[in-house]
PDB file of all heavy atoms in Angstrom:
ATOM      1  N   GLN A   1      -3.852 -22.122 -13.680  1.00  0.00           N
ATOM      2  CA  GLN A   1      -2.834 -21.265 -13.081  1.00  0.00           C
ATOM      3  C   GLN A   1      -3.093 -21.157 -11.580  1.00  0.00           C
ATOM      4  O   GLN A   1      -4.233 -21.209 -11.146  1.00  0.00           O
ATOM      5  CB  GLN A   1      -2.875 -19.884 -13.723  1.00  0.00           C
ATOM      6  CG  GLN A   1      -1.610 -19.097 -13.533  1.00  0.00           C
ATOM      7  CD  GLN A   1      -1.462 -18.013 -14.591  1.00  0.00           C
ATOM      8  OE1 GLN A   1      -2.366 -17.785 -15.372  1.00  0.00           O
ATOM      9  NE2 GLN A   1      -0.322 -17.362 -14.598  1.00  0.00           N
ATOM     10  N   VAL A   2      -2.000 -21.027 -10.828  1.00  0.00           N
ATOM     11  CA  VAL A   2      -2.084 -20.963  -9.374  1.00  0.00           C
ATOM     12  C   VAL A   2      -1.637 -19.589  -8.911  1.00  0.00           C
ATOM     13  O   VAL A   2      -0.630 -19.051  -9.382  1.00  0.00           O
ATOM     14  CB  VAL A   2      -1.196 -22.045  -8.738  1.00  0.00           C
ATOM     15  CG1 VAL A   2      -1.178 -21.898  -7.220  1.00  0.00           C
ATOM     16  CG2 VAL A   2      -1.676 -23.436  -9.132  1.00  0.00           C
ATOM     17  N   GLN A   3      -2.402 -19.005  -8.003  1.00  0.00           N
ATOM     18  CA  GLN A   3      -2.044 -17.720  -7.416  1.00  0.00           C
ATOM     19  C   GLN A   3      -1.822 -17.899  -5.919  1.00  0.00           C
ATOM     20  O   GLN A   3      -2.538 -18.649  -5.265  1.00  0.00           O
ATOM     21  CB  GLN A   3      -3.143 -16.676  -7.639  1.00  0.00           C
ATOM     22  CG  GLN A   3      -3.374 -16.293  -9.083  1.00  0.00           C
ATOM     23  CD  GLN A   3      -4.301 -17.284  -9.777  1.00  0.00           C
ATOM     24  OE1 GLN A   3      -5.273 -17.746  -9.203  1.00  0.00           O
ATOM     25  NE2 GLN A   3      -3.983 -17.595 -11.030  1.00  0.00           N
ATOM     26  N   LEU A   4      -0.828 -17.189  -5.408  1.00  0.00           N
ATOM     27  CA  LEU A   4      -0.538 -17.185  -3.975  1.00  0.00           C
ATOM     28  C   LEU A   4      -0.659 -15.756  -3.471  1.00  0.00           C
ATOM     29  O   LEU A   4      -0.018 -14.854  -4.016  1.00  0.00           O
ATOM     30  CB  LEU A   4       0.866 -17.721  -3.701  1.00  0.00           C
ATOM     31  CG  LEU A   4       1.148 -19.153  -4.145  1.00  0.00           C
ATOM     32  CD1 LEU A   4       2.578 -19.545  -3.807  1.00  0.00           C
ATOM     33  CD2 LEU A   4       0.180 -20.138  -3.509  1.00  0.00           C
ATOM     34  N   ALA A   5      -1.450 -15.565  -2.450  1.00  0.00           N
ATOM     35  CA  ALA A   5      -1.664 -14.234  -1.871  1.00  0.00           C
ATOM     36  C   ALA A   5      -1.086 -14.204  -0.468  1.00  0.00           C
ATOM     37  O   ALA A   5      -1.580 -14.911   0.414  1.00  0.00           O
ATOM     38  CB  ALA A   5      -3.146 -13.908  -1.850  1.00  0.00           C
ATOM     39  N   GLU A   6      -0.069 -13.391  -0.280  1.00  0.00           N
ATOM     40  CA  GLU A   6       0.600 -13.278   1.020  1.00  0.00           C
ATOM     41  C   GLU A   6       0.127 -12.023   1.736  1.00  0.00           C
ATOM     42  O   GLU A   6      -0.035 -10.967   1.119  1.00  0.00           O
ATOM     43  CB  GLU A   6       2.112 -13.195   0.833  1.00  0.00           C
ATOM     44  CG  GLU A   6       2.722 -14.404   0.166  1.00  0.00           C
ATOM     45  CD  GLU A   6       4.147 -14.144  -0.268  1.00  0.00           C
ATOM     46  OE1 GLU A   6       4.595 -12.987  -0.170  1.00  0.00           O
ATOM     47  OE2 GLU A   6       4.808 -15.089  -0.710  1.00  0.00           O
ATOM     48  N   THR A   7      -0.059 -12.133   3.027  1.00  0.00           N
ATOM     49  CA  THR A   7      -0.408 -10.980   3.860  1.00  0.00           C
ATOM     50  C   THR A   7       0.322 -11.085   5.189  1.00  0.00           C
ATOM     51  O   THR A   7       0.789 -12.173   5.572  1.00  0.00           O
ATOM     52  CB  THR A   7      -1.920 -10.909   4.122  1.00  0.00           C
ATOM     53  OG1 THR A   7      -2.338 -12.130   4.746  1.00  0.00           O
ATOM     54  CG2 THR A   7      -2.703 -10.707   2.841  1.00  0.00           C
ATOM     55  N   GLY A   8       0.436  -9.963   5.874  1.00  0.00           N
ATOM     56  CA  GLY A   8       0.916  -9.981   7.250  1.00  0.00           C
ATOM     57  C   GLY A   8       2.264  -9.362   7.511  1.00  0.00           C
ATOM     58  O   GLY A   8       2.677  -9.279   8.669  1.00  0.00           O
ATOM     59  N   GLY A   9       2.980  -8.915   6.506  1.00  0.00           N
ATOM     60  CA  GLY A   9       4.270  -8.294   6.754  1.00  0.00           C
ATOM     61  C   GLY A   9       4.109  -6.909   7.356  1.00  0.00           C
ATOM     62  O   GLY A   9       3.001  -6.400   7.519  1.00  0.00           O
ATOM     63  N   GLY A  10       5.239  -6.307   7.713  1.00  0.00           N
ATOM     64  CA  GLY A  10       5.192  -4.960   8.255  1.00  0.00           C
ATOM     65  C   GLY A  10       6.430  -4.632   9.058  1.00  0.00           C
ATOM     66  O   GLY A  10       7.426  -5.349   9.021  1.00  0.00           O
ATOM     67  N   LEU A  11       6.308  -3.521   9.789  1.00  0.00           N
ATOM     68  CA  LEU A  11       7.401  -3.043  10.641  1.00  0.00           C
ATOM     69  C   LEU A  11       7.079  -3.385  12.092  1.00  0.00           C
ATOM     70  O   LEU A  11       5.956  -3.107  12.557  1.00  0.00           O
ATOM     71  CB  LEU A  11       7.556  -1.533  10.475  1.00  0.00           C
ATOM     72  CG  LEU A  11       8.508  -0.821  11.432  1.00  0.00           C
ATOM     73  CD1 LEU A  11       9.940  -1.294  11.222  1.00  0.00           C
ATOM     74  CD2 LEU A  11       8.396   0.688  11.264  1.00  0.00           C
ATOM     75  N   VAL A  12       8.027  -3.963  12.783  1.00  0.00           N
ATOM     76  CA  VAL A  12       7.817  -4.345  14.172  1.00  0.00           C
ATOM     77  C   VAL A  12       9.110  -4.103  14.953  1.00  0.00           C
ATOM     78  O   VAL A  12      10.206  -4.176  14.389  1.00  0.00           O
ATOM     79  CB  VAL A  12       7.374  -5.822  14.262  1.00  0.00           C
ATOM     80  CG1 VAL A  12       8.453  -6.752  13.766  1.00  0.00           C
ATOM     81  CG2 VAL A  12       6.921  -6.195  15.663  1.00  0.00           C
ATOM     82  N   GLN A  13       8.954  -3.808  16.228  1.00  0.00           N
ATOM     83  CA  GLN A  13      10.130  -3.604  17.069  1.00  0.00           C
ATOM     84  C   GLN A  13      10.743  -4.938  17.473  1.00  0.00           C
ATOM     85  O   GLN A  13      10.047  -5.969  17.494  1.00  0.00           O
ATOM     86  CB  GLN A  13       9.742  -2.824  18.322  1.00  0.00           C
ATOM     87  CG  GLN A  13       9.336  -1.387  18.043  1.00  0.00           C
ATOM     88  CD  GLN A  13       9.107  -0.594  19.313  1.00  0.00           C
ATOM     89  OE1 GLN A  13       8.895  -1.153  20.389  1.00  0.00           O
ATOM     90  NE2 GLN A  13       9.156   0.725  19.202  1.00  0.00           N
ATOM     91  N   PRO A  14      12.025  -4.949  17.797  1.00  0.00           N
ATOM     92  CA  PRO A  14      12.641  -6.187  18.296  1.00  0.00           C
ATOM     93  C   PRO A  14      11.866  -6.739  19.485  1.00  0.00           C
ATOM     94  O   PRO A  14      11.436  -5.979  20.358  1.00  0.00           O
ATOM     95  CB  PRO A  14      14.043  -5.734  18.692  1.00  0.00           C
ATOM     96  CG  PRO A  14      14.329  -4.571  17.797  1.00  0.00           C
ATOM     97  CD  PRO A  14      13.011  -3.860  17.647  1.00  0.00           C
ATOM     98  N   GLY A  15      11.677  -8.053  19.474  1.00  0.00           N
ATOM     99  CA  GLY A  15      10.879  -8.702  20.500  1.00  0.00           C
ATOM    100  C   GLY A  15       9.415  -8.821  20.169  1.00  0.00           C
ATOM    101  O   GLY A  15       8.672  -9.521  20.877  1.00  0.00           O
ATOM    102  N   GLY A  16       8.994  -8.170  19.117  1.00  0.00           N
ATOM    103  CA  GLY A  16       7.590  -8.197  18.724  1.00  0.00           C
ATOM    104  C   GLY A  16       7.225  -9.438  17.923  1.00  0.00           C
ATOM    105  O   GLY A  16       8.054 -10.337  17.716  1.00  0.00           O
ATOM    106  N   SER A  17       5.974  -9.467  17.464  1.00  0.00           N
ATOM    107  CA  SER A  17       5.446 -10.620  16.737  1.00  0.00           C
ATOM    108  C   SER A  17       4.743 -10.186  15.461  1.00  0.00           C
ATOM    109  O   SER A  17       4.201  -9.078  15.385  1.00  0.00           O
ATOM    110  CB  SER A  17       4.442 -11.386  17.607  1.00  0.00           C
ATOM    111  OG  SER A  17       5.055 -11.904  18.769  1.00  0.00           O
ATOM    112  N   LEU A  18       4.745 -11.066  14.506  1.00  0.00           N
ATOM    113  CA  LEU A  18       3.976 -10.914  13.270  1.00  0.00           C
ATOM    114  C   LEU A  18       3.483 -12.283  12.847  1.00  0.00           C
ATOM    115  O   LEU A  18       4.103 -13.302  13.152  1.00  0.00           O
ATOM    116  CB  LEU A  18       4.832 -10.333  12.135  1.00  0.00           C
ATOM    117  CG  LEU A  18       5.170  -8.849  12.155  1.00  0.00           C
ATOM    118  CD1 LEU A  18       6.131  -8.532  11.012  1.00  0.00           C
ATOM    119  CD2 LEU A  18       3.920  -7.997  12.035  1.00  0.00           C
ATOM    120  N   ARG A  19       2.375 -12.280  12.121  1.00  0.00           N
ATOM    121  CA  ARG A  19       1.857 -13.525  11.567  1.00  0.00           C
ATOM    122  C   ARG A  19       1.673 -13.346  10.070  1.00  0.00           C
ATOM    123  O   ARG A  19       0.931 -12.468   9.628  1.00  0.00           O
ATOM    124  CB  ARG A  19       0.521 -13.904  12.210  1.00  0.00           C
ATOM    125  CG  ARG A  19       0.032 -15.300  11.816  1.00  0.00           C
ATOM    126  CD  ARG A  19      -1.383 -15.512  12.264  1.00  0.00           C
ATOM    127  NE  ARG A  19      -1.775 -16.917  12.217  1.00  0.00           N
ATOM    128  CZ  ARG A  19      -3.018 -17.322  11.980  1.00  0.00           C
ATOM    129  NH1 ARG A  19      -3.980 -16.440  11.772  1.00  0.00           N
ATOM    130  NH2 ARG A  19      -3.300 -18.611  11.972  1.00  0.00           N
ATOM    131  N   LEU A  20       2.342 -14.191   9.298  1.00  0.00           N
ATOM    132  CA  LEU A  20       2.205 -14.171   7.847  1.00  0.00           C
ATOM    133  C   LEU A  20       1.211 -15.239   7.415  1.00  0.00           C
ATOM    134  O   LEU A  20       1.139 -16.314   8.004  1.00  0.00           O
ATOM    135  CB  LEU A  20       3.558 -14.440   7.183  1.00  0.00           C
ATOM    136  CG  LEU A  20       4.736 -13.544   7.587  1.00  0.00           C
ATOM    137  CD1 LEU A  20       5.968 -13.923   6.772  1.00  0.00           C
ATOM    138  CD2 LEU A  20       4.389 -12.083   7.414  1.00  0.00           C
ATOM    139  N   SER A  21       0.472 -14.917   6.362  1.00  0.00           N
ATOM    140  CA  SER A  21      -0.467 -15.877   5.776  1.00  0.00           C
ATOM    141  C   SER A  21      -0.220 -15.945   4.281  1.00  0.00           C
ATOM    142  O   SER A  21       0.146 -14.954   3.656  1.00  0.00           O
ATOM    143  CB  SER A  21      -1.912 -15.447   6.026  1.00  0.00           C
ATOM    144  OG  SER A  21      -2.205 -15.392   7.394  1.00  0.00           O
ATOM    145  N   CYS A  22      -0.464 -17.110   3.715  1.00  0.00           N
ATOM    146  CA  CYS A  22      -0.337 -17.292   2.268  1.00  0.00           C
ATOM    147  C   CYS A  22      -1.435 -18.230   1.817  1.00  0.00           C
ATOM    148  O   CYS A  22      -1.448 -19.406   2.203  1.00  0.00           O
ATOM    149  CB  CYS A  22       1.038 -17.855   1.919  1.00  0.00           C
ATOM    150  SG  CYS A  22       1.252 -18.273   0.184  1.00  0.00           S
ATOM    151  N   ALA A  23      -2.346 -17.708   1.007  1.00  0.00           N
ATOM    152  CA  ALA A  23      -3.473 -18.487   0.531  1.00  0.00           C
ATOM    153  C   ALA A  23      -3.293 -18.830  -0.940  1.00  0.00           C
ATOM    154  O   ALA A  23      -3.022 -17.943  -1.761  1.00  0.00           O
ATOM    155  CB  ALA A  23      -4.774 -17.709   0.735  1.00  0.00           C
ATOM    156  N   ALA A  24      -3.451 -20.103  -1.262  1.00  0.00           N
ATOM    157  CA  ALA A  24      -3.344 -20.569  -2.646  1.00  0.00           C
ATOM    158  C   ALA A  24      -4.727 -20.651  -3.274  1.00  0.00           C
ATOM    159  O   ALA A  24      -5.692 -21.068  -2.632  1.00  0.00           O
ATOM    160  CB  ALA A  24      -2.670 -21.933  -2.688  1.00  0.00           C
ATOM    161  N   SER A  25      -4.822 -20.263  -4.539  1.00  0.00           N
ATOM    162  CA  SER A  25      -6.090 -20.340  -5.261  1.00  0.00           C
ATOM    163  C   SER A  25      -5.805 -20.580  -6.735  1.00  0.00           C
ATOM    164  O   SER A  25      -4.672 -20.513  -7.190  1.00  0.00           O
ATOM    165  CB  SER A  25      -6.889 -19.054  -5.075  1.00  0.00           C
ATOM    166  OG  SER A  25      -6.187 -17.955  -5.621  1.00  0.00           O
ATOM    167  N   GLY A  26      -6.877 -20.865  -7.465  1.00  0.00           N
ATOM    168  CA  GLY A  26      -6.736 -21.090  -8.896  1.00  0.00           C
ATOM    169  C   GLY A  26      -6.857 -22.560  -9.243  1.00  0.00           C
ATOM    170  O   GLY A  26      -7.547 -23.317  -8.563  1.00  0.00           O
ATOM    171  N   ASN A  27      -6.178 -22.947 -10.272  1.00  0.00           N
ATOM    172  CA  ASN A  27      -6.247 -24.308 -10.798  1.00  0.00           C
ATOM    173  C   ASN A  27      -5.342 -25.226  -9.978  1.00  0.00           C
ATOM    174  O   ASN A  27      -4.290 -25.652 -10.423  1.00  0.00           O
ATOM    175  CB  ASN A  27      -5.837 -24.321 -12.270  1.00  0.00           C
ATOM    176  CG  ASN A  27      -6.127 -25.650 -12.925  1.00  0.00           C
ATOM    177  OD1 ASN A  27      -6.949 -26.420 -12.439  1.00  0.00           O
ATOM    178  ND2 ASN A  27      -5.444 -25.942 -14.022  1.00  0.00           N
ATOM    179  N   ILE A  28      -5.797 -25.518  -8.752  1.00  0.00           N
ATOM    180  CA  ILE A  28      -4.973 -26.300  -7.845  1.00  0.00           C
ATOM    181  C   ILE A  28      -5.872 -27.321  -7.167  1.00  0.00           C
ATOM    182  O   ILE A  28      -6.948 -27.005  -6.684  1.00  0.00           O
ATOM    183  CB  ILE A  28      -4.289 -25.369  -6.817  1.00  0.00           C
ATOM    184  CG1 ILE A  28      -3.343 -26.127  -5.913  1.00  0.00           C
ATOM    185  CG2 ILE A  28      -5.303 -24.573  -6.004  1.00  0.00           C
ATOM    186  CD1 ILE A  28      -2.446 -25.212  -5.101  1.00  0.00           C
ATOM    187  N   PHE A  29      -5.435 -28.572  -7.173  1.00  0.00           N
ATOM    188  CA  PHE A  29      -6.268 -29.629  -6.627  1.00  0.00           C
ATOM    189  C   PHE A  29      -5.673 -30.275  -5.395  1.00  0.00           C
ATOM    190  O   PHE A  29      -6.389 -30.781  -4.543  1.00  0.00           O
ATOM    191  CB  PHE A  29      -6.530 -30.678  -7.706  1.00  0.00           C
ATOM    192  CG  PHE A  29      -7.234 -30.131  -8.899  1.00  0.00           C
ATOM    193  CD1 PHE A  29      -6.542 -29.815 -10.054  1.00  0.00           C
ATOM    194  CD2 PHE A  29      -8.601 -29.900  -8.857  1.00  0.00           C
ATOM    195  CE1 PHE A  29      -7.193 -29.294 -11.148  1.00  0.00           C
ATOM    196  CE2 PHE A  29      -9.270 -29.391  -9.948  1.00  0.00           C
ATOM    197  CZ  PHE A  29      -8.569 -29.084 -11.104  1.00  0.00           C
ATOM    198  N   SER A  30      -4.391 -30.272  -5.300  1.00  0.00           N
ATOM    199  CA  SER A  30      -3.745 -30.829  -4.104  1.00  0.00           C
ATOM    200  C   SER A  30      -2.438 -30.105  -3.885  1.00  0.00           C
ATOM    201  O   SER A  30      -1.804 -29.646  -4.828  1.00  0.00           O
ATOM    202  CB  SER A  30      -3.514 -32.328  -4.264  1.00  0.00           C
ATOM    203  OG  SER A  30      -2.573 -32.573  -5.285  1.00  0.00           O
ATOM    204  N   VAL A  31      -2.084 -30.004  -2.638  1.00  0.00           N
ATOM    205  CA  VAL A  31      -0.852 -29.306  -2.270  1.00  0.00           C
ATOM    206  C   VAL A  31       0.008 -30.225  -1.430  1.00  0.00           C
ATOM    207  O   VAL A  31      -0.483 -30.819  -0.472  1.00  0.00           O
ATOM    208  CB  VAL A  31      -1.182 -28.012  -1.491  1.00  0.00           C
ATOM    209  CG1 VAL A  31       0.098 -27.359  -0.996  1.00  0.00           C
ATOM    210  CG2 VAL A  31      -1.960 -27.047  -2.365  1.00  0.00           C
ATOM    211  N   ASN A  32       1.239 -30.327  -1.791  1.00  0.00           N
ATOM    212  CA  ASN A  32       2.166 -31.144  -1.004  1.00  0.00           C
ATOM    213  C   ASN A  32       2.850 -30.253   0.032  1.00  0.00           C
ATOM    214  O   ASN A  32       2.202 -29.730   0.915  1.00  0.00           O
ATOM    215  CB  ASN A  32       3.142 -31.853  -1.938  1.00  0.00           C
ATOM    216  CG  ASN A  32       2.428 -32.754  -2.913  1.00  0.00           C
ATOM    217  OD1 ASN A  32       1.518 -33.492  -2.541  1.00  0.00           O
ATOM    218  ND2 ASN A  32       2.794 -32.691  -4.181  1.00  0.00           N
ATOM    219  N   ASP A  33       4.145 -30.027  -0.111  1.00  0.00           N
ATOM    220  CA  ASP A  33       4.836 -29.187   0.856  1.00  0.00           C
ATOM    221  C   ASP A  33       4.487 -27.710   0.666  1.00  0.00           C
ATOM    222  O   ASP A  33       4.252 -27.257  -0.449  1.00  0.00           O
ATOM    223  CB  ASP A  33       6.352 -29.345   0.715  1.00  0.00           C
ATOM    224  CG  ASP A  33       6.833 -30.714   1.168  1.00  0.00           C
ATOM    225  OD1 ASP A  33       5.986 -31.528   1.601  1.00  0.00           O
ATOM    226  OD2 ASP A  33       8.044 -30.960   1.076  1.00  0.00           O
ATOM    227  N   MET A  34       4.445 -27.008   1.779  1.00  0.00           N
ATOM    228  CA  MET A  34       4.291 -25.550   1.771  1.00  0.00           C
ATOM    229  C   MET A  34       5.417 -24.985   2.632  1.00  0.00           C
ATOM    230  O   MET A  34       5.828 -25.632   3.609  1.00  0.00           O
ATOM    231  CB  MET A  34       2.936 -25.132   2.339  1.00  0.00           C
ATOM    232  CG  MET A  34       1.754 -25.798   1.644  1.00  0.00           C
ATOM    233  SD  MET A  34       0.155 -25.313   2.352  1.00  0.00           S
ATOM    234  CE  MET A  34      -0.173 -23.796   1.451  1.00  0.00           C
ATOM    235  N   GLY A  35       5.886 -23.808   2.279  1.00  0.00           N
ATOM    236  CA  GLY A  35       7.006 -23.277   3.045  1.00  0.00           C
ATOM    237  C   GLY A  35       7.146 -21.780   2.945  1.00  0.00           C
ATOM    238  O   GLY A  35       6.486 -21.126   2.137  1.00  0.00           O
ATOM    239  N   TRP A  36       7.993 -21.264   3.816  1.00  0.00           N
ATOM    240  CA  TRP A  36       8.332 -19.845   3.821  1.00  0.00           C
ATOM    241  C   TRP A  36       9.838 -19.698   3.648  1.00  0.00           C
ATOM    242  O   TRP A  36      10.618 -20.412   4.298  1.00  0.00           O
ATOM    243  CB  TRP A  36       7.908 -19.193   5.139  1.00  0.00           C
ATOM    244  CG  TRP A  36       6.440 -19.047   5.286  1.00  0.00           C
ATOM    245  CD1 TRP A  36       5.576 -19.909   5.915  1.00  0.00           C
ATOM    246  CD2 TRP A  36       5.636 -17.982   4.767  1.00  0.00           C
ATOM    247  NE1 TRP A  36       4.292 -19.432   5.814  1.00  0.00           N
ATOM    248  CE2 TRP A  36       4.301 -18.249   5.126  1.00  0.00           C
ATOM    249  CE3 TRP A  36       5.915 -16.821   4.044  1.00  0.00           C
ATOM    250  CZ2 TRP A  36       3.252 -17.403   4.784  1.00  0.00           C
ATOM    251  CZ3 TRP A  36       4.871 -15.989   3.705  1.00  0.00           C
ATOM    252  CH2 TRP A  36       3.561 -16.271   4.078  1.00  0.00           C
ATOM    253  N   TYR A  37      10.218 -18.794   2.780  1.00  0.00           N
ATOM    254  CA  TYR A  37      11.606 -18.440   2.536  1.00  0.00           C
ATOM    255  C   TYR A  37      11.769 -16.948   2.818  1.00  0.00           C
ATOM    256  O   TYR A  37      10.786 -16.204   2.833  1.00  0.00           O
ATOM    257  CB  TYR A  37      11.996 -18.726   1.087  1.00  0.00           C
ATOM    258  CG  TYR A  37      12.076 -20.190   0.741  1.00  0.00           C
ATOM    259  CD1 TYR A  37      10.928 -20.976   0.687  1.00  0.00           C
ATOM    260  CD2 TYR A  37      13.299 -20.797   0.471  1.00  0.00           C
ATOM    261  CE1 TYR A  37      11.002 -22.324   0.369  1.00  0.00           C
ATOM    262  CE2 TYR A  37      13.385 -22.141   0.154  1.00  0.00           C
ATOM    263  CZ  TYR A  37      12.234 -22.898   0.097  1.00  0.00           C
ATOM    264  OH  TYR A  37      12.320 -24.233  -0.216  1.00  0.00           O
ATOM    265  N   ARG A  38      12.980 -16.528   3.022  1.00  0.00           N
ATOM    266  CA  ARG A  38      13.224 -15.101   3.181  1.00  0.00           C
ATOM    267  C   ARG A  38      14.530 -14.729   2.479  1.00  0.00           C
ATOM    268  O   ARG A  38      15.432 -15.545   2.328  1.00  0.00           O
ATOM    269  CB  ARG A  38      13.277 -14.694   4.652  1.00  0.00           C
ATOM    270  CG  ARG A  38      14.482 -15.200   5.420  1.00  0.00           C
ATOM    271  CD  ARG A  38      14.377 -14.829   6.879  1.00  0.00           C
ATOM    272  NE  ARG A  38      15.473 -15.394   7.659  1.00  0.00           N
ATOM    273  CZ  ARG A  38      15.490 -15.459   8.987  1.00  0.00           C
ATOM    274  NH1 ARG A  38      14.462 -14.968   9.698  1.00  0.00           N
ATOM    275  NH2 ARG A  38      16.514 -15.989   9.626  1.00  0.00           N
ATOM    276  N   GLN A  39      14.568 -13.463   2.098  1.00  0.00           N
ATOM    277  CA  GLN A  39      15.762 -12.935   1.458  1.00  0.00           C
ATOM    278  C   GLN A  39      16.096 -11.589   2.089  1.00  0.00           C
ATOM    279  O   GLN A  39      15.316 -10.634   1.967  1.00  0.00           O
ATOM    280  CB  GLN A  39      15.569 -12.788  -0.043  1.00  0.00           C
ATOM    281  CG  GLN A  39      16.832 -12.409  -0.782  1.00  0.00           C
ATOM    282  CD  GLN A  39      16.721 -12.643  -2.277  1.00  0.00           C
ATOM    283  OE1 GLN A  39      15.633 -12.751  -2.833  1.00  0.00           O
ATOM    284  NE2 GLN A  39      17.859 -12.733  -2.936  1.00  0.00           N
ATOM    285  N   ALA A  40      17.233 -11.560   2.766  1.00  0.00           N
ATOM    286  CA  ALA A  40      17.706 -10.314   3.363  1.00  0.00           C
ATOM    287  C   ALA A  40      18.516  -9.545   2.318  1.00  0.00           C
ATOM    288  O   ALA A  40      19.035 -10.144   1.370  1.00  0.00           O
ATOM    289  CB  ALA A  40      18.564 -10.619   4.582  1.00  0.00           C
ATOM    290  N   PRO A  41      18.643  -8.233   2.491  1.00  0.00           N
ATOM    291  CA  PRO A  41      19.415  -7.444   1.525  1.00  0.00           C
ATOM    292  C   PRO A  41      20.833  -7.981   1.370  1.00  0.00           C
ATOM    293  O   PRO A  41      21.535  -8.207   2.345  1.00  0.00           O
ATOM    294  CB  PRO A  41      19.411  -6.048   2.152  1.00  0.00           C
ATOM    295  CG  PRO A  41      18.185  -6.017   3.002  1.00  0.00           C
ATOM    296  CD  PRO A  41      18.031  -7.410   3.529  1.00  0.00           C
ATOM    297  N   GLY A  42      21.228  -8.216   0.120  1.00  0.00           N
ATOM    298  CA  GLY A  42      22.580  -8.676  -0.156  1.00  0.00           C
ATOM    299  C   GLY A  42      22.835 -10.137   0.117  1.00  0.00           C
ATOM    300  O   GLY A  42      23.970 -10.603   0.023  1.00  0.00           O
ATOM    301  N   LYS A  43      21.780 -10.875   0.464  1.00  0.00           N
ATOM    302  CA  LYS A  43      21.950 -12.293   0.772  1.00  0.00           C
ATOM    303  C   LYS A  43      21.068 -13.153  -0.124  1.00  0.00           C
ATOM    304  O   LYS A  43      20.132 -12.667  -0.756  1.00  0.00           O
ATOM    305  CB  LYS A  43      21.611 -12.557   2.246  1.00  0.00           C
ATOM    306  CG  LYS A  43      22.555 -11.888   3.233  1.00  0.00           C
ATOM    307  CD  LYS A  43      22.264 -12.339   4.643  1.00  0.00           C
ATOM    308  CE  LYS A  43      23.254 -11.729   5.627  1.00  0.00           C
ATOM    309  NZ  LYS A  43      22.995 -12.186   7.024  1.00  0.00           N
ATOM    310  N   GLN A  44      21.396 -14.434  -0.147  1.00  0.00           N
ATOM    311  CA  GLN A  44      20.594 -15.359  -0.934  1.00  0.00           C
ATOM    312  C   GLN A  44      19.300 -15.704  -0.216  1.00  0.00           C
ATOM    313  O   GLN A  44      19.207 -15.630   1.008  1.00  0.00           O
ATOM    314  CB  GLN A  44      21.394 -16.636  -1.201  1.00  0.00           C
ATOM    315  CG  GLN A  44      22.557 -16.461  -2.169  1.00  0.00           C
ATOM    316  CD  GLN A  44      23.187 -17.786  -2.543  1.00  0.00           C
ATOM    317  OE1 GLN A  44      23.196 -18.723  -1.759  1.00  0.00           O
ATOM    318  NE2 GLN A  44      23.719 -17.866  -3.746  1.00  0.00           N
TER     319      GLN A  44
END
C-alpha cells in the first residue's frame, strides 16, 4: 500500500507564497509522474 503525506497549506494574503510538499511512502518502488491538482468550491 502507498501513502501520500501532504503538508504546507494554510491561509495567506494575496501576493504571498506557500510551499506544498507531498511525500510518498509504503510499498512503492518507482514513481513515474507526480503532480498537483486543486479543487475550488463548486468547481471540478
